[in-house]
């Protein structure tokens, strides 16, 4: 989930975990199903809301990955927008 939240592609996730891309696709589909979500932004929001991920885990740990993750910035901005919801804000304050 951490790699998915960081905006890594399924191919990048497969390489990092040393598994076949089909295995990664199946795991991602299972995550979406288990969380009851349709995409990585919703999955990230769910994981943050439920305490499965910390906000610091949603950013790449290696700065060298940033240029390769340009598409993840739109996902990240959507997640931050979702995080501004009253439901999430009240949890963050407590």
N, C-alpha and C. Protein backbone atom coordinates (compact mmCIF):
# COMPACT_ATOMS: atom_id res chain seq x y z
N UNK A 1 0.83 -1.18 0.00
CA UNK A 1 0.00 0.00 0.00
C UNK A 1 0.87 1.25 0.00
N UNK A 2 1.99 1.20 0.73
CA UNK A 2 2.89 2.35 0.80
C UNK A 2 3.39 2.73 -0.59
N UNK A 3 3.80 1.75 -1.38
CA UNK A 3 4.31 2.03 -2.72
C UNK A 3 3.21 2.56 -3.63
N UNK A 4 2.03 2.02 -3.49
CA UNK A 4 0.88 2.48 -4.26
C UNK A 4 0.57 3.93 -3.92
N UNK A 5 0.58 4.25 -2.63
CA UNK A 5 0.30 5.62 -2.18
C UNK A 5 1.36 6.61 -2.65
N UNK A 6 2.58 6.12 -2.85
CA UNK A 6 3.65 6.99 -3.32
C UNK A 6 3.55 7.27 -4.81
N UNK A 7 2.58 6.65 -5.47
CA UNK A 7 2.39 6.89 -6.90
C UNK A 7 3.22 6.02 -7.80
N UNK A 8 3.82 5.00 -7.24
CA UNK A 8 4.63 4.10 -8.07
C UNK A 8 3.73 3.33 -9.02
N UNK A 9 4.24 3.09 -10.22
CA UNK A 9 3.48 2.29 -11.19
C UNK A 9 3.50 0.83 -10.75
N UNK A 10 2.61 0.05 -11.30
CA UNK A 10 2.60 -1.38 -10.97
C UNK A 10 3.92 -2.03 -11.37
N UNK A 11 4.49 -1.56 -12.46
CA UNK A 11 5.79 -2.08 -12.90
C UNK A 11 6.88 -1.75 -11.88
N UNK A 12 6.89 -0.52 -11.38
CA UNK A 12 7.89 -0.13 -10.38
C UNK A 12 7.70 -0.92 -9.09
N UNK A 13 6.45 -1.11 -8.69
CA UNK A 13 6.16 -1.89 -7.48
C UNK A 13 6.66 -3.32 -7.66
N UNK A 14 6.39 -3.90 -8.83
CA UNK A 14 6.83 -5.27 -9.12
C UNK A 14 8.34 -5.39 -9.02
N UNK A 15 9.06 -4.41 -9.59
CA UNK A 15 10.52 -4.43 -9.53
C UNK A 15 11.01 -4.36 -8.09
N UNK A 16 10.44 -3.45 -7.31
CA UNK A 16 10.89 -3.27 -5.93
C UNK A 16 10.61 -4.50 -5.07
N UNK A 17 9.46 -5.13 -5.29
CA UNK A 17 9.08 -6.30 -4.48
C UNK A 17 9.57 -7.62 -5.07
N UNK A 18 10.17 -7.55 -6.26
CA UNK A 18 10.69 -8.71 -6.98
C UNK A 18 9.59 -9.76 -7.16
N UNK A 19 8.49 -9.30 -7.76
CA UNK A 19 7.38 -10.19 -8.11
C UNK A 19 6.94 -9.87 -9.53
N UNK A 20 6.19 -10.76 -10.12
CA UNK A 20 5.68 -10.54 -11.47
C UNK A 20 4.66 -9.40 -11.46
N UNK A 21 4.58 -8.67 -12.56
CA UNK A 21 3.63 -7.56 -12.63
C UNK A 21 2.19 -8.04 -12.47
N UNK A 22 1.89 -9.23 -12.96
CA UNK A 22 0.55 -9.79 -12.78
C UNK A 22 0.22 -10.00 -11.31
N UNK A 23 1.22 -10.39 -10.53
CA UNK A 23 1.03 -10.57 -9.09
C UNK A 23 0.71 -9.22 -8.44
N UNK A 24 1.43 -8.20 -8.86
CA UNK A 24 1.19 -6.85 -8.33
C UNK A 24 -0.21 -6.39 -8.69
N UNK A 25 -0.61 -6.59 -9.95
CA UNK A 25 -1.97 -6.20 -10.37
C UNK A 25 -3.02 -6.88 -9.51
N UNK A 26 -2.82 -8.17 -9.24
CA UNK A 26 -3.79 -8.92 -8.42
C UNK A 26 -3.83 -8.38 -6.98
N UNK A 27 -2.66 -8.09 -6.42
CA UNK A 27 -2.62 -7.55 -5.07
C UNK A 27 -3.29 -6.18 -4.99
N UNK A 28 -3.05 -5.34 -5.99
CA UNK A 28 -3.68 -4.02 -6.02
C UNK A 28 -5.20 -4.17 -6.12
N UNK A 29 -5.65 -5.07 -6.98
CA UNK A 29 -7.09 -5.31 -7.10
C UNK A 29 -7.67 -5.81 -5.77
N UNK A 30 -6.94 -6.67 -5.08
CA UNK A 30 -7.39 -7.16 -3.78
C UNK A 30 -7.48 -6.04 -2.75
N UNK A 31 -6.50 -5.13 -2.77
CA UNK A 31 -6.52 -3.98 -1.86
C UNK A 31 -7.76 -3.14 -2.14
N UNK A 32 -8.00 -2.82 -3.42
CA UNK A 32 -9.17 -2.02 -3.78
C UNK A 32 -10.45 -2.68 -3.32
N UNK A 33 -10.54 -3.99 -3.53
CA UNK A 33 -11.74 -4.72 -3.14
C UNK A 33 -11.91 -4.72 -1.62
N UNK A 34 -10.85 -5.01 -0.91
CA UNK A 34 -10.92 -5.08 0.55
C UNK A 34 -11.28 -3.71 1.15
N UNK A 35 -10.72 -2.64 0.59
CA UNK A 35 -11.00 -1.29 1.09
C UNK A 35 -12.33 -0.74 0.57
N UNK A 36 -12.88 -1.39 -0.46
CA UNK A 36 -14.13 -0.90 -1.05
C UNK A 36 -13.93 0.39 -1.82
N UNK A 37 -12.81 0.47 -2.57
CA UNK A 37 -12.47 1.68 -3.31
C UNK A 37 -12.25 1.35 -4.78
N UNK A 38 -12.13 2.40 -5.60
CA UNK A 38 -12.00 2.20 -7.04
C UNK A 38 -10.64 2.61 -7.60
N UNK A 39 -9.83 3.34 -6.81
CA UNK A 39 -8.55 3.81 -7.36
C UNK A 39 -7.55 4.06 -6.24
N UNK A 40 -6.32 4.41 -6.65
CA UNK A 40 -5.25 4.57 -5.66
C UNK A 40 -5.45 5.77 -4.75
N UNK A 41 -6.07 6.83 -5.24
CA UNK A 41 -6.33 8.00 -4.38
C UNK A 41 -7.30 7.62 -3.26
N UNK A 42 -8.36 6.90 -3.61
CA UNK A 42 -9.32 6.46 -2.60
C UNK A 42 -8.68 5.46 -1.63
N UNK A 43 -7.83 4.58 -2.16
CA UNK A 43 -7.15 3.60 -1.31
C UNK A 43 -6.21 4.30 -0.35
N UNK A 44 -5.51 5.31 -0.83
CA UNK A 44 -4.59 6.08 0.03
C UNK A 44 -5.37 6.80 1.11
N UNK A 45 -6.47 7.42 0.72
CA UNK A 45 -7.30 8.13 1.71
C UNK A 45 -7.78 7.16 2.79
N UNK A 46 -8.26 6.01 2.35
CA UNK A 46 -8.74 4.99 3.30
C UNK A 46 -7.62 4.58 4.25
N UNK A 47 -6.45 4.28 3.68
CA UNK A 47 -5.32 3.82 4.50
C UNK A 47 -4.89 4.89 5.50
N UNK A 48 -4.90 6.15 5.09
CA UNK A 48 -4.55 7.24 6.00
C UNK A 48 -5.61 7.39 7.09
N UNK A 49 -6.86 7.35 6.68
CA UNK A 49 -7.97 7.53 7.62
C UNK A 49 -7.98 6.43 8.67
N UNK A 50 -7.68 5.20 8.25
CA UNK A 50 -7.73 4.05 9.15
C UNK A 50 -6.42 3.83 9.90
N UNK A 51 -5.44 4.69 9.66
CA UNK A 51 -4.17 4.57 10.36
C UNK A 51 -3.27 3.47 9.82
N UNK A 52 -3.54 3.00 8.61
CA UNK A 52 -2.71 1.96 8.01
C UNK A 52 -1.43 2.53 7.42
N UNK A 53 -1.46 3.82 7.11
CA UNK A 53 -0.31 4.54 6.58
C UNK A 53 -0.18 5.85 7.32
N UNK A 54 1.06 6.30 7.48
CA UNK A 54 1.29 7.64 7.99
C UNK A 54 1.50 8.57 6.82
N UNK A 55 1.24 9.83 7.00
CA UNK A 55 1.39 10.80 5.92
C UNK A 55 2.80 10.79 5.36
N UNK A 56 3.79 10.58 6.22
CA UNK A 56 5.18 10.54 5.77
C UNK A 56 5.46 9.35 4.86
N UNK A 57 4.64 8.33 4.90
CA UNK A 57 4.84 7.14 4.06
C UNK A 57 4.28 7.31 2.66
N UNK A 58 3.59 8.40 2.40
CA UNK A 58 2.98 8.60 1.09
C UNK A 58 3.90 9.32 0.12
N UNK A 59 5.11 9.68 0.57
CA UNK A 59 6.08 10.35 -0.29
C UNK A 59 7.27 9.44 -0.51
N UNK A 60 7.88 9.49 -1.70
CA UNK A 60 9.04 8.64 -1.97
C UNK A 60 10.17 8.93 -1.00
N UNK A 61 10.85 7.89 -0.55
CA UNK A 61 11.96 8.06 0.37
C UNK A 61 13.23 8.49 -0.34
N UNK A 62 13.31 8.22 -1.64
CA UNK A 62 14.49 8.60 -2.41
C UNK A 62 14.15 9.78 -3.30
N UNK A 63 14.82 10.92 -3.11
CA UNK A 63 14.55 12.09 -3.96
C UNK A 63 14.74 11.80 -5.44
N UNK A 64 15.61 10.85 -5.78
CA UNK A 64 15.85 10.53 -7.19
C UNK A 64 14.60 9.97 -7.87
N UNK A 65 13.62 9.50 -7.10
CA UNK A 65 12.40 8.96 -7.69
C UNK A 65 11.42 10.05 -8.11
N UNK A 66 11.57 11.24 -7.56
CA UNK A 66 10.60 12.31 -7.81
C UNK A 66 10.38 12.62 -9.29
N UNK A 67 11.43 12.77 -10.11
CA UNK A 67 11.16 13.09 -11.52
C UNK A 67 10.37 12.01 -12.25
N UNK A 68 10.50 10.77 -11.79
CA UNK A 68 9.81 9.65 -12.46
C UNK A 68 8.37 9.50 -12.00
N UNK A 69 7.98 10.28 -11.02
CA UNK A 69 6.64 10.12 -10.46
C UNK A 69 5.75 11.32 -10.75
N UNK A 70 5.97 11.98 -11.87
CA UNK A 70 5.19 13.18 -12.15
C UNK A 70 3.69 12.91 -12.15
N UNK A 71 3.28 11.74 -12.61
CA UNK A 71 1.84 11.44 -12.61
C UNK A 71 1.32 11.26 -11.19
N UNK A 72 2.21 10.92 -10.26
CA UNK A 72 1.76 10.73 -8.89
C UNK A 72 1.41 12.04 -8.21
N UNK A 73 1.94 13.15 -8.72
CA UNK A 73 1.66 14.43 -8.09
C UNK A 73 0.18 14.76 -8.17
N UNK A 74 -0.46 14.42 -9.29
CA UNK A 74 -1.90 14.67 -9.38
C UNK A 74 -2.64 13.77 -8.40
N UNK A 75 -2.19 12.54 -8.26
CA UNK A 75 -2.80 11.64 -7.28
C UNK A 75 -2.60 12.18 -5.87
N UNK A 76 -1.39 12.62 -5.57
CA UNK A 76 -1.10 13.15 -4.25
C UNK A 76 -1.93 14.39 -3.96
N UNK A 77 -2.09 15.27 -4.94
CA UNK A 77 -2.89 16.47 -4.70
C UNK A 77 -4.36 16.11 -4.47
N UNK A 78 -4.85 15.08 -5.16
CA UNK A 78 -6.22 14.63 -4.91
C UNK A 78 -6.36 14.07 -3.51
N UNK A 79 -5.34 13.33 -3.06
CA UNK A 79 -5.38 12.78 -1.71
C UNK A 79 -5.40 13.90 -0.69
N UNK A 80 -4.54 14.90 -0.88
CA UNK A 80 -4.54 16.02 0.07
C UNK A 80 -5.88 16.74 0.07
N UNK A 81 -6.49 16.86 -1.10
CA UNK A 81 -7.82 17.48 -1.17
C UNK A 81 -8.81 16.64 -0.35
N UNK A 82 -8.74 15.33 -0.50
CA UNK A 82 -9.62 14.45 0.26
C UNK A 82 -9.34 14.55 1.76
N UNK A 83 -8.07 14.75 2.10
CA UNK A 83 -7.69 14.85 3.51
C UNK A 83 -8.26 16.10 4.17
N UNK A 84 -8.61 17.09 3.37
CA UNK A 84 -9.16 18.32 3.92
C UNK A 84 -10.64 18.18 4.28
N UNK A 85 -11.22 17.02 4.02
CA UNK A 85 -12.62 16.82 4.35
C UNK A 85 -12.83 16.97 5.85
N UNK A 86 -13.98 17.44 6.28
CA UNK A 86 -14.23 17.64 7.71
C UNK A 86 -14.01 16.38 8.54
N UNK A 87 -14.36 15.24 7.98
CA UNK A 87 -14.20 13.96 8.69
C UNK A 87 -12.73 13.71 9.03
N UNK A 88 -11.86 13.92 8.07
CA UNK A 88 -10.43 13.69 8.28
C UNK A 88 -9.84 14.77 9.17
N UNK A 89 -10.21 16.02 8.94
CA UNK A 89 -9.68 17.12 9.74
C UNK A 89 -9.97 16.93 11.22
N UNK A 90 -11.17 16.45 11.56
CA UNK A 90 -11.50 16.25 12.97
C UNK A 90 -10.64 15.15 13.60
N UNK A 91 -10.32 14.11 12.81
CA UNK A 91 -9.46 13.04 13.33
C UNK A 91 -8.03 13.53 13.52
N UNK A 92 -7.56 14.40 12.62
CA UNK A 92 -6.19 14.90 12.71
C UNK A 92 -6.02 15.81 13.92
N UNK A 93 -7.07 16.51 14.32
CA UNK A 93 -6.99 17.43 15.45
C UNK A 93 -7.03 16.70 16.78
N UNK A 94 -7.61 15.50 16.81
CA UNK A 94 -7.72 14.77 18.08
C UNK A 94 -6.52 13.92 18.38
